[in-house]
């Protein structure tokens, strides 16, 4: 097994978009076309929000990504903002896309509430962490997570936080020594069905 960790490149967008679409099951609540656009919106939004990136390449194939933002040093390149705007416009083009976008608007609102409820000041955010379902259990997540910790240590950043929920393997963060700071329950109505989800903010002190 050959694993390489490197910085994010433009050509990583499509394979990472597919990983996101798969691990967060976007196809379960929308058509394939909308699921692909939704993953594009999510990824392009994350790419407006980082100062450090590592992509895991396993046997020549993109297998995962981690993005971290140093809050004080962060500034977003215009090209990333334009890509985000383009992705959002593409999603809003269809009725289904607009409907699905509303769910994500709700999630952003929940995340803001969690951050507010934490009553903490953070120096960094882990803004994206995704590993292909085909490569889970092979230690890639740990390698990516450790690269983020090394970056935080080198930058002398005190602490960081991340948002996650019950659709993810949030137990991983507890195994890495992270603390569940706040939690919120929310009921979504997706395709006429009620879906209950719990949302969390986890944090970590780098001392």
N, C-alpha and C. Protein backbone atom coordinates (compact mmCIF):
# COMPACT_ATOMS: atom_id res chain seq x y z
N UNK A 1 0.84 -1.20 0.00
CA UNK A 1 0.00 0.00 0.00
C UNK A 1 0.88 1.25 0.00
N UNK A 2 0.76 2.06 -1.03
CA UNK A 2 1.55 3.29 -1.14
C UNK A 2 0.68 4.50 -0.85
N UNK A 3 1.00 5.20 0.24
CA UNK A 3 0.22 6.39 0.61
C UNK A 3 1.09 7.63 0.49
N UNK A 4 0.56 8.61 -0.20
CA UNK A 4 1.27 9.89 -0.33
C UNK A 4 0.35 10.98 0.19
N UNK A 5 0.89 11.90 1.01
CA UNK A 5 0.12 13.07 1.46
C UNK A 5 0.71 14.28 0.77
N UNK A 6 -0.14 15.07 0.13
CA UNK A 6 0.33 16.28 -0.56
C UNK A 6 -0.73 17.37 -0.47
N UNK A 7 -0.38 18.57 -0.94
CA UNK A 7 -1.33 19.68 -0.92
C UNK A 7 -2.44 19.45 -1.95
N UNK A 8 -3.57 20.10 -1.71
CA UNK A 8 -4.71 20.04 -2.64
C UNK A 8 -4.34 20.68 -3.98
N UNK A 9 -4.73 20.02 -5.07
CA UNK A 9 -4.55 20.55 -6.42
C UNK A 9 -5.91 20.66 -7.10
N UNK A 10 -5.98 21.52 -8.09
CA UNK A 10 -7.23 21.76 -8.83
C UNK A 10 -7.85 20.47 -9.36
N UNK A 11 -6.99 19.58 -9.84
CA UNK A 11 -7.50 18.34 -10.45
C UNK A 11 -8.08 17.35 -9.43
N UNK A 12 -7.92 17.67 -8.13
CA UNK A 12 -8.48 16.81 -7.07
C UNK A 12 -9.98 17.06 -6.88
N UNK A 13 -10.50 18.16 -7.45
CA UNK A 13 -11.88 18.57 -7.18
C UNK A 13 -12.89 17.45 -7.48
N UNK A 14 -12.83 16.89 -8.69
CA UNK A 14 -13.83 15.88 -9.09
C UNK A 14 -13.76 14.61 -8.23
N UNK A 15 -12.56 14.00 -8.03
CA UNK A 15 -12.54 12.80 -7.19
C UNK A 15 -12.98 13.06 -5.74
N UNK A 16 -12.64 14.24 -5.20
CA UNK A 16 -13.05 14.55 -3.82
C UNK A 16 -14.56 14.79 -3.76
N UNK A 17 -15.08 15.44 -4.80
CA UNK A 17 -16.53 15.66 -4.90
C UNK A 17 -17.27 14.32 -4.86
N UNK A 18 -16.74 13.32 -5.58
CA UNK A 18 -17.36 11.99 -5.61
C UNK A 18 -17.29 11.30 -4.24
N UNK A 19 -16.16 11.50 -3.53
CA UNK A 19 -16.01 10.93 -2.18
C UNK A 19 -17.07 11.52 -1.25
N UNK A 20 -17.23 12.84 -1.29
CA UNK A 20 -18.22 13.54 -0.46
C UNK A 20 -19.64 13.05 -0.76
N UNK A 21 -19.94 12.96 -2.05
CA UNK A 21 -21.27 12.51 -2.49
C UNK A 21 -21.58 11.11 -1.95
N UNK A 22 -20.57 10.25 -1.96
CA UNK A 22 -20.74 8.86 -1.50
C UNK A 22 -20.85 8.78 0.02
N UNK A 23 -19.89 9.36 0.75
CA UNK A 23 -19.87 9.12 2.21
C UNK A 23 -21.00 9.84 2.95
N UNK A 24 -21.51 10.93 2.35
CA UNK A 24 -22.65 11.61 2.99
C UNK A 24 -23.99 11.27 2.31
N UNK A 25 -23.98 10.24 1.48
CA UNK A 25 -25.21 9.64 0.92
C UNK A 25 -26.15 10.66 0.25
N UNK A 26 -25.60 11.57 -0.52
CA UNK A 26 -26.44 12.59 -1.17
C UNK A 26 -27.46 11.98 -2.14
N UNK A 27 -27.11 10.83 -2.73
CA UNK A 27 -28.02 10.19 -3.69
C UNK A 27 -29.27 9.62 -3.03
N UNK A 28 -29.24 9.51 -1.70
CA UNK A 28 -30.41 8.95 -1.00
C UNK A 28 -31.55 9.96 -0.90
N UNK A 29 -31.26 11.25 -1.01
CA UNK A 29 -32.36 12.22 -0.90
C UNK A 29 -32.46 13.17 -2.09
N UNK A 30 -31.77 12.82 -3.18
CA UNK A 30 -31.90 13.64 -4.40
C UNK A 30 -31.52 12.83 -5.63
N UNK A 31 -31.83 13.36 -6.80
CA UNK A 31 -31.47 12.69 -8.06
C UNK A 31 -29.95 12.72 -8.23
N UNK A 32 -29.39 11.82 -9.07
CA UNK A 32 -27.93 11.80 -9.26
C UNK A 32 -27.36 13.16 -9.67
N UNK A 33 -28.07 13.87 -10.56
CA UNK A 33 -27.59 15.17 -11.03
C UNK A 33 -27.51 16.18 -9.88
N UNK A 34 -28.57 16.22 -9.06
CA UNK A 34 -28.59 17.15 -7.93
C UNK A 34 -27.57 16.74 -6.87
N UNK A 35 -27.42 15.43 -6.65
CA UNK A 35 -26.44 14.93 -5.67
C UNK A 35 -25.04 15.38 -6.04
N UNK A 36 -24.71 15.32 -7.34
CA UNK A 36 -23.40 15.74 -7.82
C UNK A 36 -23.21 17.25 -7.62
N UNK A 37 -24.25 18.02 -7.94
CA UNK A 37 -24.17 19.48 -7.77
C UNK A 37 -24.04 19.87 -6.29
N UNK A 38 -24.78 19.14 -5.46
CA UNK A 38 -24.75 19.41 -4.01
C UNK A 38 -23.36 19.17 -3.44
N UNK A 39 -22.74 18.06 -3.85
CA UNK A 39 -21.36 17.75 -3.41
C UNK A 39 -20.40 18.84 -3.89
N UNK A 40 -20.66 19.36 -5.10
CA UNK A 40 -19.83 20.45 -5.64
C UNK A 40 -19.96 21.72 -4.83
N UNK A 41 -21.19 22.04 -4.39
CA UNK A 41 -21.41 23.23 -3.56
C UNK A 41 -20.70 23.07 -2.22
N UNK A 42 -20.85 21.90 -1.62
CA UNK A 42 -20.24 21.66 -0.31
C UNK A 42 -18.72 21.78 -0.39
N UNK A 43 -18.13 21.11 -1.40
CA UNK A 43 -16.67 21.15 -1.53
C UNK A 43 -16.17 22.55 -1.87
N UNK A 44 -16.82 23.22 -2.80
CA UNK A 44 -16.35 24.57 -3.18
C UNK A 44 -16.47 25.54 -1.99
N UNK A 45 -17.47 25.32 -1.11
CA UNK A 45 -17.60 26.16 0.09
C UNK A 45 -16.46 25.88 1.07
N UNK A 46 -16.11 24.60 1.23
CA UNK A 46 -14.98 24.24 2.11
C UNK A 46 -13.67 24.83 1.60
N UNK A 47 -13.54 24.90 0.26
CA UNK A 47 -12.30 25.41 -0.33
C UNK A 47 -12.15 26.93 -0.19
N UNK A 48 -13.21 27.60 0.29
CA UNK A 48 -13.08 29.04 0.58
C UNK A 48 -12.60 29.22 2.02
N UNK A 49 -12.38 28.11 2.72
CA UNK A 49 -12.26 28.16 4.18
C UNK A 49 -11.07 27.39 4.73
N UNK A 50 -9.87 27.55 4.10
CA UNK A 50 -8.72 26.80 4.64
C UNK A 50 -7.41 27.55 4.43
N UNK A 51 -6.43 27.20 5.28
CA UNK A 51 -5.06 27.71 5.11
C UNK A 51 -4.08 26.54 4.96
N UNK A 52 -4.55 25.33 5.26
CA UNK A 52 -3.70 24.13 5.17
C UNK A 52 -4.51 23.00 4.54
N UNK A 53 -3.90 22.31 3.59
CA UNK A 53 -4.59 21.17 2.95
C UNK A 53 -3.66 19.98 2.84
N UNK A 54 -4.24 18.81 3.03
CA UNK A 54 -3.52 17.57 2.71
C UNK A 54 -4.50 16.61 2.03
N UNK A 55 -4.07 16.09 0.90
CA UNK A 55 -4.84 15.10 0.16
C UNK A 55 -4.09 13.78 0.29
N UNK A 56 -4.83 12.71 0.62
CA UNK A 56 -4.23 11.37 0.70
C UNK A 56 -4.39 10.70 -0.66
N UNK A 57 -3.27 10.25 -1.21
CA UNK A 57 -3.30 9.53 -2.49
C UNK A 57 -2.84 8.10 -2.21
N UNK A 58 -3.73 7.15 -2.49
CA UNK A 58 -3.44 5.74 -2.22
C UNK A 58 -3.30 5.00 -3.55
N UNK A 59 -2.11 4.43 -3.75
CA UNK A 59 -1.82 3.72 -5.02
C UNK A 59 -2.21 4.55 -6.24
N UNK A 60 -1.88 5.84 -6.19
CA UNK A 60 -2.12 6.74 -7.33
C UNK A 60 -3.51 7.35 -7.41
N UNK A 61 -4.44 6.96 -6.48
CA UNK A 61 -5.81 7.49 -6.53
C UNK A 61 -6.11 8.35 -5.31
N UNK A 62 -6.82 9.46 -5.53
CA UNK A 62 -7.21 10.34 -4.43
C UNK A 62 -8.15 9.57 -3.50
N UNK A 63 -7.80 9.52 -2.21
CA UNK A 63 -8.57 8.70 -1.26
C UNK A 63 -9.10 9.48 -0.07
N UNK A 64 -8.67 10.74 0.09
CA UNK A 64 -9.17 11.52 1.23
C UNK A 64 -8.57 12.91 1.25
N UNK A 65 -9.15 13.75 2.12
CA UNK A 65 -8.68 15.15 2.23
C UNK A 65 -8.91 15.67 3.64
N UNK A 66 -8.04 16.57 4.07
CA UNK A 66 -8.28 17.32 5.30
C UNK A 66 -7.93 18.78 5.03
N UNK A 67 -8.79 19.68 5.51
CA UNK A 67 -8.56 21.13 5.38
C UNK A 67 -8.65 21.75 6.76
N UNK A 68 -7.69 22.62 7.06
CA UNK A 68 -7.67 23.33 8.34
C UNK A 68 -7.55 24.83 8.07
N UNK A 69 -8.25 25.60 8.89
CA UNK A 69 -8.17 27.06 8.73
C UNK A 69 -7.58 27.70 9.98
N UNK A 70 -6.47 28.42 9.78
CA UNK A 70 -5.93 29.32 10.82
C UNK A 70 -6.80 30.58 10.73
N UNK A 71 -7.66 30.78 11.71
CA UNK A 71 -8.69 31.82 11.63
C UNK A 71 -8.10 33.21 11.41
N UNK A 72 -7.02 33.53 12.11
CA UNK A 72 -6.43 34.88 11.98
C UNK A 72 -5.75 35.10 10.63
N UNK A 73 -5.11 34.06 10.10
CA UNK A 73 -4.34 34.21 8.86
C UNK A 73 -5.17 34.00 7.59
N UNK A 74 -6.39 33.52 7.73
CA UNK A 74 -7.16 33.11 6.56
C UNK A 74 -7.58 34.28 5.67
N UNK A 75 -7.34 34.12 4.39
CA UNK A 75 -7.96 35.01 3.39
C UNK A 75 -8.23 34.15 2.16
N UNK A 76 -9.41 34.31 1.59
CA UNK A 76 -9.83 33.41 0.52
C UNK A 76 -9.52 33.98 -0.86
N UNK A 77 -8.85 33.20 -1.73
CA UNK A 77 -8.59 33.68 -3.09
C UNK A 77 -9.90 33.91 -3.85
N UNK A 78 -9.92 34.92 -4.68
CA UNK A 78 -11.11 35.26 -5.45
C UNK A 78 -11.57 34.08 -6.32
N UNK A 79 -10.62 33.32 -6.87
CA UNK A 79 -10.97 32.19 -7.73
C UNK A 79 -11.84 31.16 -6.99
N UNK A 80 -11.55 30.95 -5.69
CA UNK A 80 -12.34 30.01 -4.90
C UNK A 80 -13.73 30.56 -4.62
N UNK A 81 -13.83 31.86 -4.40
CA UNK A 81 -15.14 32.50 -4.17
C UNK A 81 -16.00 32.38 -5.43
N UNK A 82 -15.38 32.61 -6.60
CA UNK A 82 -16.11 32.54 -7.86
C UNK A 82 -16.59 31.11 -8.14
N UNK A 83 -15.75 30.13 -7.82
CA UNK A 83 -16.13 28.73 -8.02
C UNK A 83 -17.31 28.36 -7.12
N UNK A 84 -17.28 28.87 -5.88
CA UNK A 84 -18.38 28.62 -4.94
C UNK A 84 -19.69 29.23 -5.49
N UNK A 85 -19.62 30.48 -5.95
CA UNK A 85 -20.81 31.16 -6.48
C UNK A 85 -21.37 30.41 -7.69
N UNK A 86 -20.48 29.95 -8.55
CA UNK A 86 -20.88 29.20 -9.75
C UNK A 86 -21.59 27.89 -9.37
N UNK A 87 -21.04 27.19 -8.38
CA UNK A 87 -21.63 25.92 -7.91
C UNK A 87 -23.02 26.15 -7.32
N UNK A 88 -23.17 27.23 -6.53
CA UNK A 88 -24.46 27.54 -5.91
C UNK A 88 -25.50 27.88 -6.98
N UNK A 89 -25.12 28.69 -7.96
CA UNK A 89 -26.04 29.06 -9.05
C UNK A 89 -26.50 27.83 -9.81
N UNK A 90 -25.58 26.91 -10.05
CA UNK A 90 -25.89 25.68 -10.77
C UNK A 90 -26.90 24.83 -9.99
N UNK A 91 -26.72 24.77 -8.66
CA UNK A 91 -27.64 24.00 -7.81
C UNK A 91 -29.03 24.64 -7.80
N UNK A 92 -29.07 25.97 -7.73
CA UNK A 92 -30.34 26.70 -7.64
C UNK A 92 -31.11 26.70 -8.97
N UNK A 93 -30.49 26.20 -10.01
CA UNK A 93 -31.08 26.20 -11.35
C UNK A 93 -32.34 25.32 -11.42
N UNK A 94 -32.38 24.26 -10.59
CA UNK A 94 -33.55 23.36 -10.61
C UNK A 94 -34.35 23.50 -9.31
N UNK A 95 -35.61 23.11 -9.40
CA UNK A 95 -36.50 23.18 -8.23
C UNK A 95 -35.99 22.25 -7.12
N UNK A 96 -35.59 21.05 -7.53
CA UNK A 96 -35.06 20.08 -6.55
C UNK A 96 -33.81 20.63 -5.87
N UNK A 97 -32.96 21.27 -6.68
CA UNK A 97 -31.73 21.86 -6.13
C UNK A 97 -32.03 22.92 -5.08
N UNK A 98 -33.02 23.75 -5.36
CA UNK A 98 -33.40 24.82 -4.39
C UNK A 98 -33.93 24.22 -3.09
N UNK A 99 -34.68 23.14 -3.23
CA UNK A 99 -35.27 22.45 -2.07
C UNK A 99 -34.16 21.85 -1.18
N UNK A 100 -33.22 21.18 -1.84
CA UNK A 100 -32.11 20.54 -1.12
C UNK A 100 -31.20 21.60 -0.49
N UNK A 101 -31.02 22.72 -1.19
CA UNK A 101 -30.18 23.81 -0.68
C UNK A 101 -30.73 24.34 0.65
N UNK A 102 -32.06 24.30 0.80
CA UNK A 102 -32.70 24.78 2.03
C UNK A 102 -32.27 23.95 3.24
N UNK A 103 -32.10 22.64 3.01
CA UNK A 103 -31.65 21.75 4.10
C UNK A 103 -30.27 22.19 4.58
N UNK A 104 -29.40 22.51 3.60
CA UNK A 104 -28.04 22.91 3.95
C UNK A 104 -28.00 24.28 4.63
N UNK A 105 -28.96 25.12 4.27
CA UNK A 105 -29.08 26.42 4.92
C UNK A 105 -29.40 26.22 6.40
N UNK A 106 -30.29 25.25 6.65
CA UNK A 106 -30.65 24.91 8.04
C UNK A 106 -29.44 24.41 8.82
N UNK A 107 -28.62 23.57 8.16
CA UNK A 107 -27.42 23.02 8.82
C UNK A 107 -26.45 24.13 9.18
N UNK A 108 -26.25 25.08 8.26
CA UNK A 108 -25.36 26.22 8.54
C UNK A 108 -25.85 27.02 9.75
N UNK A 109 -27.18 27.15 9.84
CA UNK A 109 -27.77 27.86 10.98
C UNK A 109 -27.51 27.12 12.28
N UNK A 110 -27.62 25.79 12.25
CA UNK A 110 -27.37 24.96 13.44
C UNK A 110 -25.90 25.08 13.85
N UNK A 111 -25.00 25.04 12.86
CA UNK A 111 -23.56 25.16 13.14
C UNK A 111 -23.25 26.50 13.83
N UNK A 112 -23.87 27.58 13.34
CA UNK A 112 -23.65 28.90 13.94
C UNK A 112 -24.11 28.92 15.39
N UNK A 113 -25.26 28.27 15.64
CA UNK A 113 -25.80 28.19 17.01
C UNK A 113 -24.85 27.42 17.92
N UNK A 114 -24.34 26.29 17.42
CA UNK A 114 -23.41 25.46 18.20
C UNK A 114 -22.16 26.25 18.58
N UNK A 115 -21.63 27.00 17.60
CA UNK A 115 -20.43 27.81 17.85
C UNK A 115 -20.70 28.87 18.90
N UNK A 116 -21.87 29.45 18.81
CA UNK A 116 -22.30 30.47 19.77
C UNK A 116 -22.46 29.85 21.17
N UNK A 117 -23.08 28.66 21.21
CA UNK A 117 -23.31 27.98 22.49
C UNK A 117 -22.01 27.52 23.16
N UNK A 118 -20.98 27.29 22.35
CA UNK A 118 -19.70 26.82 22.92
C UNK A 118 -19.05 27.87 23.81
N UNK A 119 -19.41 29.15 23.55
CA UNK A 119 -18.87 30.30 24.33
C UNK A 119 -17.34 30.25 24.42
N UNK A 120 -16.72 29.76 23.34
CA UNK A 120 -15.26 29.65 23.32
C UNK A 120 -14.70 30.43 22.14
N UNK A 121 -13.45 30.81 22.29
CA UNK A 121 -12.75 31.47 21.19
C UNK A 121 -11.71 30.48 20.65
N UNK A 122 -11.79 30.21 19.35
CA UNK A 122 -10.89 29.21 18.76
C UNK A 122 -9.88 29.87 17.83
N UNK A 123 -8.70 29.24 17.74
CA UNK A 123 -7.68 29.79 16.84
C UNK A 123 -7.69 29.09 15.47
N UNK A 124 -8.36 27.92 15.39
CA UNK A 124 -8.40 27.21 14.10
C UNK A 124 -9.67 26.37 13.98
N UNK A 125 -9.99 26.02 12.72
CA UNK A 125 -11.13 25.16 12.44
C UNK A 125 -10.70 24.04 11.50
N UNK A 126 -11.14 22.83 11.81
CA UNK A 126 -10.96 21.73 10.86
C UNK A 126 -12.20 21.81 9.95
N UNK A 127 -12.02 22.33 8.73
CA UNK A 127 -13.18 22.68 7.91
C UNK A 127 -13.65 21.58 6.96
N UNK A 128 -12.81 20.58 6.71
CA UNK A 128 -13.24 19.42 5.91
C UNK A 128 -12.35 18.23 6.23
N UNK A 129 -12.99 17.08 6.39
CA UNK A 129 -12.25 15.84 6.63
C UNK A 129 -13.08 14.72 6.01
N UNK A 130 -12.57 14.13 4.95
CA UNK A 130 -13.32 13.09 4.24
C UNK A 130 -12.37 12.02 3.73
N UNK A 131 -12.73 10.76 3.97
CA UNK A 131 -11.95 9.62 3.49
C UNK A 131 -12.88 8.71 2.71
N UNK A 132 -12.47 8.28 1.54
CA UNK A 132 -13.27 7.39 0.69
C UNK A 132 -13.73 6.16 1.46
N UNK A 133 -14.99 5.78 1.26
CA UNK A 133 -15.55 4.60 1.95
C UNK A 133 -14.78 3.33 1.57
N UNK A 134 -14.15 3.33 0.39
CA UNK A 134 -13.38 2.17 -0.07
C UNK A 134 -12.05 2.02 0.67
N UNK A 135 -11.62 3.10 1.31
CA UNK A 135 -10.28 3.10 1.94
C UNK A 135 -10.34 3.25 3.46
N UNK A 136 -11.55 3.23 4.02
CA UNK A 136 -11.65 3.39 5.48
C UNK A 136 -11.15 2.14 6.19
N UNK A 137 -10.59 2.35 7.38
CA UNK A 137 -10.04 1.24 8.16
C UNK A 137 -8.61 0.90 7.79
N UNK A 138 -7.99 1.74 6.93
CA UNK A 138 -6.59 1.49 6.52
C UNK A 138 -5.61 2.51 7.11
N UNK A 139 -6.09 3.29 8.06
CA UNK A 139 -5.22 4.25 8.74
C UNK A 139 -5.04 5.58 8.03
N UNK A 140 -5.75 5.79 6.92
CA UNK A 140 -5.62 7.05 6.17
C UNK A 140 -6.14 8.23 6.98
N UNK A 141 -7.27 8.02 7.65
CA UNK A 141 -7.86 9.08 8.48
C UNK A 141 -6.90 9.55 9.55
N UNK A 142 -6.26 8.59 10.20
CA UNK A 142 -5.30 8.92 11.27
C UNK A 142 -4.11 9.71 10.71
N UNK A 143 -3.63 9.29 9.53
CA UNK A 143 -2.50 9.99 8.90
C UNK A 143 -2.86 11.44 8.57
N UNK A 144 -4.05 11.63 7.99
CA UNK A 144 -4.51 12.98 7.64
C UNK A 144 -4.70 13.82 8.89
N UNK A 145 -5.32 13.23 9.89
CA UNK A 145 -5.58 13.95 11.15
C UNK A 145 -4.26 14.37 11.81
N UNK A 146 -3.28 13.46 11.78
CA UNK A 146 -1.97 13.77 12.38
C UNK A 146 -1.27 14.90 11.62
N UNK A 147 -1.44 14.93 10.29
CA UNK A 147 -0.83 16.01 9.50
C UNK A 147 -1.43 17.36 9.90
N UNK A 148 -2.75 17.36 10.22
CA UNK A 148 -3.41 18.59 10.67
C UNK A 148 -2.88 19.02 12.04
N UNK A 149 -2.71 18.05 12.93
CA UNK A 149 -2.17 18.36 14.28
C UNK A 149 -0.76 18.92 14.18
N UNK A 150 0.05 18.35 13.28
CA UNK A 150 1.43 18.84 13.09
C UNK A 150 1.42 20.29 12.62
N UNK A 151 0.52 20.59 11.69
CA UNK A 151 0.38 21.97 11.18
C UNK A 151 0.01 22.92 12.32
N UNK A 152 -0.97 22.54 13.12
CA UNK A 152 -1.43 23.39 14.23
C UNK A 152 -0.29 23.65 15.22
N UNK A 153 0.48 22.59 15.48
CA UNK A 153 1.62 22.69 16.42
C UNK A 153 2.69 23.63 15.85
N UNK A 154 3.01 23.44 14.56
CA UNK A 154 4.03 24.29 13.91
C UNK A 154 3.63 25.76 13.88
N UNK A 155 2.32 26.00 13.73
CA UNK A 155 1.81 27.38 13.68
C UNK A 155 1.55 27.95 15.09
N UNK A 156 1.80 27.10 16.10
CA UNK A 156 1.57 27.46 17.50
C UNK A 156 0.12 27.90 17.76
N UNK A 157 -0.80 27.16 17.19
CA UNK A 157 -2.21 27.44 17.39
C UNK A 157 -2.70 26.63 18.60
N UNK A 158 -3.41 27.29 19.49
CA UNK A 158 -3.78 26.70 20.79
C UNK A 158 -4.83 25.60 20.70
N UNK A 159 -5.84 25.83 19.86
CA UNK A 159 -6.97 24.90 19.84
C UNK A 159 -7.67 24.96 18.49
N UNK A 160 -8.54 23.99 18.26
CA UNK A 160 -9.35 24.04 17.04
C UNK A 160 -10.69 23.36 17.29
N UNK A 161 -11.63 23.58 16.38
CA UNK A 161 -12.94 22.96 16.51
C UNK A 161 -13.37 22.40 15.16
N UNK A 162 -14.41 21.58 15.20
CA UNK A 162 -15.03 21.10 13.96
C UNK A 162 -16.50 20.83 14.22
N UNK A 163 -17.27 20.87 13.14
CA UNK A 163 -18.69 20.50 13.19
C UNK A 163 -18.84 19.10 12.63
N UNK A 164 -19.69 18.29 13.25
CA UNK A 164 -20.00 16.97 12.70
C UNK A 164 -21.42 16.59 13.12
N UNK A 165 -21.87 15.43 12.68
CA UNK A 165 -23.24 15.02 13.01
C UNK A 165 -23.36 13.50 12.96
N UNK A 166 -24.56 13.01 13.23
CA UNK A 166 -24.77 11.55 13.33
C UNK A 166 -24.70 10.84 11.98
N UNK A 167 -24.56 11.57 10.86
CA UNK A 167 -24.39 10.91 9.56
C UNK A 167 -22.92 10.56 9.33
N UNK A 168 -22.06 11.00 10.24
CA UNK A 168 -20.60 10.79 10.09
C UNK A 168 -20.09 9.83 11.17
N UNK A 169 -18.85 9.38 11.00
CA UNK A 169 -18.20 8.55 12.02
C UNK A 169 -17.61 9.47 13.10
N UNK A 170 -18.50 10.08 13.88
CA UNK A 170 -18.03 11.08 14.86
C UNK A 170 -17.25 10.43 16.01
N UNK A 171 -17.40 9.10 16.18
CA UNK A 171 -16.63 8.39 17.22
C UNK A 171 -15.13 8.50 16.98
N UNK A 172 -14.74 8.68 15.71
CA UNK A 172 -13.32 8.82 15.35
C UNK A 172 -12.70 9.98 16.13
N UNK A 173 -13.44 11.10 16.22
CA UNK A 173 -12.90 12.30 16.88
C UNK A 173 -12.69 12.06 18.38
N UNK A 174 -13.58 11.26 18.97
CA UNK A 174 -13.43 10.94 20.40
C UNK A 174 -12.20 10.06 20.61
N UNK A 175 -11.95 9.14 19.67
CA UNK A 175 -10.76 8.28 19.75
C UNK A 175 -9.48 9.10 19.61
N UNK A 176 -9.57 10.25 18.94
CA UNK A 176 -8.39 11.11 18.76
C UNK A 176 -8.25 12.12 19.91
N UNK A 177 -9.09 11.97 20.93
CA UNK A 177 -8.96 12.83 22.12
C UNK A 177 -9.71 14.14 22.04
N UNK A 178 -10.64 14.26 21.09
CA UNK A 178 -11.41 15.51 20.98
C UNK A 178 -12.58 15.49 21.97
N UNK A 179 -13.04 16.67 22.34
CA UNK A 179 -14.09 16.82 23.35
C UNK A 179 -15.37 17.31 22.70
N UNK A 180 -16.49 16.63 23.01
CA UNK A 180 -17.79 17.08 22.48
C UNK A 180 -18.27 18.26 23.32
N UNK A 181 -18.22 19.44 22.72
CA UNK A 181 -18.50 20.68 23.47
C UNK A 181 -20.00 20.95 23.56
N UNK A 182 -20.72 20.83 22.44
CA UNK A 182 -22.16 21.11 22.41
C UNK A 182 -22.85 20.18 21.43
N UNK A 183 -24.18 20.05 21.61
CA UNK A 183 -24.95 19.13 20.78
C UNK A 183 -26.34 19.71 20.53
N UNK A 184 -26.87 19.48 19.34
CA UNK A 184 -28.23 19.93 19.00
C UNK A 184 -28.95 18.88 18.18
N UNK A 185 -30.23 18.70 18.49
CA UNK A 185 -31.05 17.75 17.71
C UNK A 185 -31.90 18.54 16.73
N UNK A 186 -32.08 17.99 15.54
CA UNK A 186 -32.92 18.67 14.54
C UNK A 186 -33.68 17.62 13.73
N UNK A 187 -34.93 17.93 13.40
CA UNK A 187 -35.74 17.01 12.58
C UNK A 187 -35.92 17.65 11.20
N UNK A 188 -35.47 16.94 10.17
CA UNK A 188 -35.60 17.40 8.79
C UNK A 188 -36.77 16.67 8.12
N UNK A 189 -37.39 17.33 7.17
CA UNK A 189 -38.40 16.66 6.35
C UNK A 189 -37.80 16.45 4.96
N UNK A 190 -37.42 15.21 4.66
CA UNK A 190 -36.78 14.90 3.37
C UNK A 190 -37.67 13.92 2.60
N UNK A 191 -38.10 14.36 1.42
CA UNK A 191 -38.98 13.54 0.57
C UNK A 191 -40.18 12.99 1.34
N UNK A 192 -40.80 13.85 2.14
CA UNK A 192 -42.00 13.46 2.88
C UNK A 192 -41.74 12.61 4.11
N UNK A 193 -40.47 12.38 4.42
CA UNK A 193 -40.13 11.58 5.61
C UNK A 193 -39.38 12.42 6.63
N UNK A 194 -39.67 12.18 7.90
CA UNK A 194 -38.98 12.90 8.98
C UNK A 194 -37.67 12.20 9.30
N UNK A 195 -36.60 12.96 9.32
CA UNK A 195 -35.27 12.41 9.65
C UNK A 195 -34.72 13.17 10.85
N UNK A 196 -34.44 12.43 11.93
CA UNK A 196 -33.88 13.07 13.12
C UNK A 196 -32.36 12.97 13.07
N UNK A 197 -31.69 14.10 13.30
CA UNK A 197 -30.23 14.10 13.31
C UNK A 197 -29.71 14.89 14.50
N UNK A 198 -28.57 14.47 15.00
CA UNK A 198 -27.90 15.22 16.05
C UNK A 198 -26.65 15.88 15.48
N UNK A 199 -26.43 17.12 15.83
CA UNK A 199 -25.29 17.90 15.36
C UNK A 199 -24.38 18.23 16.54
N UNK A 200 -23.07 18.18 16.30
CA UNK A 200 -22.10 18.37 17.38
C UNK A 200 -21.04 19.41 17.00
N UNK A 201 -20.48 20.03 18.04
CA UNK A 201 -19.22 20.76 17.86
C UNK A 201 -18.22 20.07 18.79
N UNK A 202 -17.09 19.65 18.20
CA UNK A 202 -16.00 19.02 18.96
C UNK A 202 -14.83 20.01 18.98
N UNK A 203 -14.06 19.97 20.07
CA UNK A 203 -12.85 20.78 20.07
C UNK A 203 -11.66 20.03 20.67
N UNK A 204 -10.50 20.63 20.50
CA UNK A 204 -9.24 19.97 20.87
C UNK A 204 -8.25 21.04 21.30
N UNK A 205 -7.62 20.81 22.43
CA UNK A 205 -6.58 21.74 22.89
C UNK A 205 -5.23 21.18 22.46
N UNK A 206 -4.42 22.02 21.81
CA UNK A 206 -3.14 21.54 21.24
C UNK A 206 -1.98 21.55 22.23
N UNK A 207 -2.24 21.84 23.49
CA UNK A 207 -1.13 21.89 24.46
C UNK A 207 -0.72 20.50 24.89
